[in-house]
Amino acid sequence: MFKKLVAGAAVTIAASTLVTALPAASVNAADKKVDLKELNVQFVPSSQADTIQAKAKPLEKLLKAQLGIPVHVTISTDYNTVVEAMGSKKVDMGFLPPDPYVQAHKQYGAKVILQSQRYGINDKKGDGSNTDKLVDYYRAEVLVKKDSKIKSVKDLKGKKIAVQDTTSDAGYMFPVVDLKKKGVNVVKDAKLVTVKGHDQGVLSVMNGDTDAAFVFDDARNVVKKDNPDVFKDTRVLTYTAKIPNDTIALRKGISKADTKAIQNAMIKVSKTTEGKKVLNDVYSWAGVAKSKDSNFNVVRKYQKAVEGIN
């Protein structure tokens, strides 16, 4: 789950400017494992853009060692930026949540090569701790303050709710659709406030700026270090259906041989100490596994459903 968006988009550099500005580095032909001259990689931020940039940067060196070509890592302003950059071939590999991946596949022929794995969240404990089982899905949660008068989903009517961009699986689409199934049309009957990052969604509830927030399970871990009482001061009103984990996808036009080489390189990197740290620090991933497009058909169903809610 990449978990999405970012506080302070102004500090983020869009692919269209940064990627094209990067100078091409010299390449030793004997070291090259792919036909590509370089690999431009872009992440979707899940929290503060500047900190994500620093955490993701080591991937450049790790992938270069595997592929033998320069690798450039950048952070997007939002999901659509990555999708459009992949469509225009300014970005070769994107770390995309399910909904933006489906868009990139439909509009520009992007192809998923890997899907993230995470340890499940132990929701019964309610403290954000992990289970010991790796899973390829996550859920969204509707978060409210512990002492909130919101006791059921019907109480969300008329309330102010922090959400992410409309293409966010956990921060918008899945909660909106599942709540509609339970008889609450939050698009029509609540005030939706877009915030940049799931961390900001959690904080908006804690600070009383909103009555509830749609965030991934459990986004409270992101702010726990600076807000140790977050689990004590908030509670989950409800969870959504399972959402497929985030993707690593390649743009259209990359050869089958290069696709396989990049896929294998990422798998190898994910098993190294440094690679594990990057994936964990950026997205709380525990690893990656090979994936296929049909894994995201459920997302297509939710996309269609959300389009009919107004």
Protein backbone atom coordinates (compact mmCIF):
# COMPACT_ATOMS: atom_id res chain seq x y z
CA MET A 1 0.00 0.00 0.00
CA PHE A 2 1.50 2.80 -0.75
CA LYS A 3 0.05 4.76 0.98
CA LYS A 4 -0.31 7.91 -0.49
CA LEU A 5 0.41 11.52 -1.14
CA VAL A 6 2.38 14.00 0.78
CA ALA A 7 2.36 17.01 2.99
CA GLY A 8 3.91 20.02 1.33
CA ALA A 9 3.79 19.26 -2.35
CA ALA A 10 5.76 22.43 -2.96
CA VAL A 11 8.94 20.71 -1.86
CA THR A 12 8.37 17.92 -4.32
CA ILE A 13 9.86 17.94 -7.79
CA ALA A 14 7.73 16.72 -10.65
CA ALA A 15 9.03 14.11 -13.04
CA SER A 16 8.62 16.36 -16.04
CA THR A 17 11.25 18.74 -14.71
CA LEU A 18 13.64 16.70 -12.63
CA VAL A 19 14.01 13.56 -14.67
CA THR A 20 14.78 15.39 -17.90
CA ALA A 21 17.28 17.62 -16.11
CA LEU A 22 19.41 14.77 -14.88
CA PRO A 23 22.68 14.37 -16.80
CA ALA A 24 23.40 11.02 -18.38
CA ALA A 25 26.24 9.24 -16.60
CA SER A 26 28.92 7.28 -18.37
CA VAL A 27 28.23 3.58 -18.64
CA ASN A 28 30.66 0.72 -18.98
CA ALA A 29 29.20 -1.43 -21.76
CA ALA A 30 30.59 -4.58 -20.18
CA ASP A 31 28.59 -3.92 -17.01
CA LYS A 32 25.25 -3.33 -18.73
CA LYS A 33 22.60 -5.97 -18.10
CA VAL A 34 19.85 -4.19 -20.06
CA ASP A 35 19.43 -2.31 -23.34
CA LEU A 36 18.14 0.81 -21.58
CA LYS A 37 20.74 3.57 -21.27
CA GLU A 38 19.38 4.62 -17.88
CA LEU A 39 16.45 3.85 -15.59
CA ASN A 40 14.26 6.65 -14.30
CA VAL A 41 12.31 5.60 -11.21
CA GLN A 42 9.61 7.57 -9.47
CA PHE A 43 7.88 7.10 -6.12
CA VAL A 44 4.49 8.33 -4.99
CA PRO A 45 4.95 10.00 -1.59
CA SER A 46 3.11 8.56 1.39
CA SER A 47 4.26 11.20 3.86
CA GLN A 48 6.60 14.22 3.81
CA ALA A 49 8.12 14.46 0.33
CA ASP A 50 11.54 15.65 1.45
CA THR A 51 12.01 12.76 3.87
CA ILE A 52 10.78 10.22 1.31
CA GLN A 53 13.31 11.54 -1.20
CA ALA A 54 16.18 10.93 1.21
CA LYS A 55 14.93 7.47 2.14
CA ALA A 56 14.43 6.38 -1.47
CA LYS A 57 17.71 7.74 -2.84
CA PRO A 58 19.86 4.69 -1.91
CA LEU A 59 17.86 2.64 -4.43
CA GLU A 60 19.84 4.37 -7.19
CA LYS A 61 23.10 2.75 -6.15
CA LEU A 62 21.51 -0.63 -5.40
CA LEU A 63 19.78 -0.94 -8.77
CA LYS A 64 22.76 0.41 -10.68
CA ALA A 65 24.88 -2.37 -9.21
CA GLN A 66 22.39 -4.93 -10.50
CA LEU A 67 21.66 -3.42 -13.93
CA GLY A 68 24.92 -1.70 -14.82
CA ILE A 69 23.25 1.56 -15.88
CA PRO A 70 22.59 4.88 -14.16
CA VAL A 71 19.42 4.92 -12.05
CA HIS A 72 17.63 8.14 -11.11
CA VAL A 73 15.09 8.23 -8.27
CA THR A 74 12.59 11.07 -7.91
CA ILE A 75 9.43 11.75 -5.94
CA SER A 76 6.21 12.87 -7.64
CA THR A 77 3.77 15.50 -6.52
CA ASP A 78 0.87 13.06 -6.81
CA TYR A 79 -0.27 9.84 -8.49
CA ASN A 80 -1.29 11.43 -11.76
CA THR A 81 2.17 12.93 -12.18
CA VAL A 82 3.74 9.47 -12.23
CA VAL A 83 1.11 8.08 -14.58
CA GLU A 84 1.56 10.92 -17.07
CA ALA A 85 5.36 10.75 -16.81
CA MET A 86 5.27 7.03 -17.58
CA GLY A 87 2.96 7.73 -20.51
CA SER A 88 5.43 10.26 -21.94
CA LYS A 89 8.39 7.93 -21.20
CA LYS A 90 10.01 10.38 -18.79
CA VAL A 91 9.67 7.73 -16.07
CA ASP A 92 10.47 4.08 -16.78
CA MET A 93 9.48 2.49 -13.49
CA GLY A 94 6.82 3.71 -11.10
CA PHE A 95 5.96 2.71 -7.55
CA LEU A 96 2.18 2.97 -7.86
CA PRO A 97 -0.78 2.24 -5.62
CA PRO A 98 -3.43 -0.02 -7.22
CA ASP A 99 -5.77 2.65 -8.60
CA PRO A 100 -3.09 4.73 -10.35
CA TYR A 101 -1.54 1.52 -11.68
CA VAL A 102 -4.86 0.52 -13.24
CA GLN A 103 -5.06 3.98 -14.81
CA ALA A 104 -1.50 3.74 -16.14
CA HIS A 105 -2.25 0.30 -17.59
CA LYS A 106 -5.45 1.45 -19.28
CA GLN A 107 -4.19 4.77 -20.61
CA TYR A 108 -0.59 4.01 -21.45
CA GLY A 109 -0.05 0.24 -21.38
CA ALA A 110 2.00 0.16 -18.17
CA LYS A 111 2.74 -3.34 -16.92
CA VAL A 112 2.93 -4.50 -13.31
CA ILE A 113 6.03 -6.56 -12.56
CA LEU A 114 5.97 -6.75 -8.78
CA GLN A 115 3.59 -6.34 -5.87
CA SER A 116 4.56 -5.38 -2.36
CA GLN A 117 4.35 -7.67 0.63
CA ARG A 118 3.78 -6.50 4.17
CA TYR A 119 3.24 -8.07 7.52
CA GLY A 120 -0.43 -7.85 8.36
CA ILE A 121 -1.71 -5.42 10.99
CA ASN A 122 -3.01 -6.97 14.21
CA ASP A 123 -6.29 -5.07 14.33
CA LYS A 124 -7.54 -7.03 17.34
CA LYS A 125 -4.83 -5.49 19.49
CA GLY A 126 -5.52 -2.02 18.14
CA ASP A 127 -1.98 -0.84 18.74
CA GLY A 128 -0.64 -0.90 15.18
CA SER A 129 1.49 -3.97 15.77
CA ASN A 130 2.19 -6.46 13.00
CA THR A 131 1.26 -10.10 12.69
CA ASP A 132 3.94 -12.60 11.66
CA LYS A 133 2.27 -13.30 8.31
CA LEU A 134 3.24 -11.66 5.02
CA VAL A 135 0.18 -10.56 3.05
CA ASP A 136 -0.41 -9.02 -0.38
CA TYR A 137 -3.30 -6.82 0.69
CA TYR A 138 -4.23 -4.14 3.19
CA ARG A 139 -7.35 -2.26 4.20
CA ALA A 140 -8.42 1.31 4.75
CA GLU A 141 -9.83 2.51 8.03
CA VAL A 142 -12.11 5.34 9.07
CA LEU A 143 -10.35 7.02 11.98
CA VAL A 144 -12.03 9.17 14.64
CA LYS A 145 -11.06 10.54 18.05
CA LYS A 146 -11.47 8.19 20.98
CA ASP A 147 -14.08 10.41 22.64
CA SER A 148 -15.88 11.26 19.39
CA LYS A 149 -19.68 11.17 19.34
CA ILE A 150 -19.38 9.30 16.03
CA LYS A 151 -20.37 5.77 17.07
CA SER A 152 -21.55 4.32 13.74
CA VAL A 153 -20.99 5.04 10.06
CA LYS A 154 -24.37 6.78 9.91
CA ASP A 155 -22.99 9.40 12.31
CA LEU A 156 -20.58 10.51 9.57
CA LYS A 157 -23.40 12.41 7.88
CA GLY A 158 -22.73 16.12 8.05
CA LYS A 159 -19.22 15.61 9.43
CA LYS A 160 -15.90 16.88 8.13
CA ILE A 161 -13.74 14.03 6.81
CA ALA A 162 -10.07 14.17 5.76
CA VAL A 163 -9.48 12.32 2.49
CA GLN A 164 -6.72 11.92 -0.07
CA ASP A 165 -6.87 12.50 -3.80
CA THR A 166 -9.82 10.80 -5.51
CA THR A 167 -7.44 8.25 -7.07
CA SER A 168 -6.28 7.07 -3.64
CA ASP A 169 -7.47 3.54 -2.90
CA ALA A 170 -7.33 3.76 0.90
CA GLY A 171 -7.66 7.52 1.22
CA TYR A 172 -10.77 7.85 -0.90
CA MET A 173 -12.11 5.17 -3.23
CA PHE A 174 -12.54 2.09 -1.05
CA PRO A 175 -13.96 3.98 1.98
CA VAL A 176 -16.37 5.98 -0.19
CA VAL A 177 -17.69 2.88 -1.96
CA ASP A 178 -17.91 0.69 1.15
CA LEU A 179 -19.66 3.40 3.16
CA LYS A 180 -22.15 3.85 0.33
CA LYS A 181 -22.88 0.11 0.60
CA LYS A 182 -23.66 0.72 4.26
CA GLY A 183 -26.11 3.49 3.42
CA VAL A 184 -23.91 6.58 3.80
CA ASN A 185 -23.05 8.73 0.80
CA VAL A 186 -20.21 10.81 2.19
CA VAL A 187 -19.68 12.57 -1.14
CA LYS A 188 -23.15 14.08 -0.84
CA ASP A 189 -23.83 14.08 2.89
CA ALA A 190 -20.45 14.95 4.44
CA LYS A 191 -17.76 17.58 3.92
CA LEU A 192 -14.68 15.98 2.37
CA VAL A 193 -11.42 17.83 2.98
CA THR A 194 -8.43 16.80 0.85
CA VAL A 195 -5.15 16.60 2.75
CA LYS A 196 -1.71 15.69 1.43
CA GLY A 197 -0.61 12.46 3.05
CA HIS A 198 -2.14 9.86 5.35
CA ASP A 199 -0.04 11.24 8.18
CA GLN A 200 -1.85 14.54 7.71
CA GLY A 201 -5.17 12.69 7.79
CA VAL A 202 -4.33 11.20 11.17
CA LEU A 203 -3.09 14.51 12.53
CA SER A 204 -6.19 16.35 11.33
CA VAL A 205 -8.30 14.06 13.52
CA MET A 206 -5.98 14.35 16.49
CA ASN A 207 -5.92 18.15 16.22
CA GLY A 208 -9.68 18.39 15.81
CA ASP A 209 -9.46 19.90 12.32
CA THR A 210 -11.67 17.10 10.97
CA ASP A 211 -14.10 14.69 12.60
CA ALA A 212 -12.79 11.63 10.77
CA ALA A 213 -10.17 10.56 8.24
CA PHE A 214 -9.85 7.89 5.57
CA VAL A 215 -6.38 6.39 5.99
CA PHE A 216 -4.62 3.10 5.43
CA ASP A 217 -4.48 0.53 8.21
CA ASP A 218 -2.63 1.52 10.32
CA ALA A 219 -1.42 4.98 9.33
CA ARG A 220 -1.15 5.95 12.98
CA ASN A 221 2.23 4.19 13.04
CA VAL A 222 3.56 6.95 10.76
CA VAL A 223 2.97 9.65 13.37
CA LYS A 224 3.47 7.57 16.52
CA LYS A 225 7.08 8.65 17.05
CA ASP A 226 6.13 12.33 17.37
CA ASN A 227 2.66 11.63 18.79
CA PRO A 228 3.03 8.68 21.20
CA ASP A 229 -0.59 8.96 22.37
CA VAL A 230 -2.08 8.56 18.90
CA PHE A 231 -3.43 5.05 19.55
CA LYS A 232 -4.78 6.06 22.94
CA ASP A 233 -6.48 9.17 21.60
CA THR A 234 -8.06 7.72 18.45
CA ARG A 235 -10.08 4.68 17.40
CA VAL A 236 -11.12 2.94 14.20
CA LEU A 237 -14.78 3.30 13.33
CA THR A 238 -14.77 0.74 10.53
CA TYR A 239 -12.53 -1.02 8.01
CA THR A 240 -12.95 -1.45 4.27
CA ALA A 241 -12.67 -4.54 2.11
CA LYS A 242 -9.20 -5.81 1.24
CA ILE A 243 -7.16 -3.69 -1.17
CA PRO A 244 -4.38 -5.24 -3.28
CA ASN A 245 -0.93 -4.11 -2.21
CA ASP A 246 0.98 -1.51 -4.16
CA THR A 247 2.80 -2.15 -7.41
CA ILE A 248 6.08 -1.66 -9.15
CA ALA A 249 5.19 -1.10 -12.80
CA LEU A 250 7.11 -0.43 -16.00
CA ARG A 251 6.09 1.88 -18.83
CA LYS A 252 5.09 0.57 -22.21
CA GLY A 253 7.93 -0.01 -24.67
CA ILE A 254 10.46 -1.69 -22.39
CA SER A 255 11.56 -4.97 -23.95
CA LYS A 256 10.67 -8.34 -22.46
CA ALA A 257 14.34 -9.01 -21.76
CA ASP A 258 14.80 -5.70 -19.95
CA THR A 259 11.51 -6.21 -18.09
CA LYS A 260 12.70 -9.55 -16.76
CA ALA A 261 16.11 -8.15 -15.85
CA ILE A 262 14.58 -5.22 -13.93
CA GLN A 263 12.11 -7.51 -12.20
CA ASN A 264 14.88 -9.86 -11.08
CA ALA A 265 17.08 -6.95 -10.05
CA MET A 266 14.36 -5.52 -7.79
CA ILE A 267 13.77 -8.94 -6.23
CA LYS A 268 17.50 -9.27 -5.49
CA VAL A 269 17.68 -5.74 -4.09
CA SER A 270 14.65 -6.38 -1.87
CA LYS A 271 16.50 -9.26 -0.22
CA THR A 272 19.59 -7.25 0.69
CA THR A 273 19.94 -5.46 4.01
CA GLU A 274 20.12 -2.06 2.34
CA GLY A 275 17.25 -2.84 -0.02
CA LYS A 276 15.01 -4.02 2.81
CA LYS A 277 15.72 -0.78 4.65
CA VAL A 278 14.75 1.37 1.66
CA LEU A 279 11.46 -0.46 1.09
CA ASN A 280 10.62 -0.43 4.79
CA ASP A 281 11.59 3.21 5.34
CA VAL A 282 9.66 4.48 2.31
CA TYR A 283 6.51 2.33 2.33
CA SER A 284 6.80 -0.16 5.21
CA TRP A 285 7.19 -2.97 2.67
CA ALA A 286 8.66 -6.24 3.92
CA GLY A 287 9.42 -7.49 0.43
CA VAL A 288 8.15 -7.90 -3.12
CA ALA A 289 6.65 -10.74 -5.13
CA LYS A 290 5.91 -11.23 -8.82
CA SER A 291 2.47 -10.01 -9.82
CA LYS A 292 0.02 -9.91 -12.73
CA ASP A 293 -2.54 -7.47 -14.00
CA SER A 294 -5.59 -9.59 -13.12
CA ASN A 295 -4.74 -9.16 -9.41
CA PHE A 296 -6.19 -5.65 -9.74
CA ASN A 297 -9.58 -6.45 -11.21
CA VAL A 298 -11.17 -5.69 -7.83
CA VAL A 299 -9.78 -2.17 -8.11
CA ARG A 300 -11.45 -1.80 -11.50
CA LYS A 301 -14.77 -2.76 -9.90
CA TYR A 302 -14.32 -0.09 -7.22
CA GLN A 303 -13.32 2.49 -9.81
CA LYS A 304 -16.56 1.87 -11.66
CA ALA A 305 -18.56 2.00 -8.45
CA VAL A 306 -17.06 5.27 -7.23
CA GLU A 307 -17.79 6.95 -10.55
CA GLY A 308 -21.49 6.46 -9.88
CA ILE A 309 -21.42 8.12 -6.47
CA ASN A 310 -22.22 11.80 -6.46
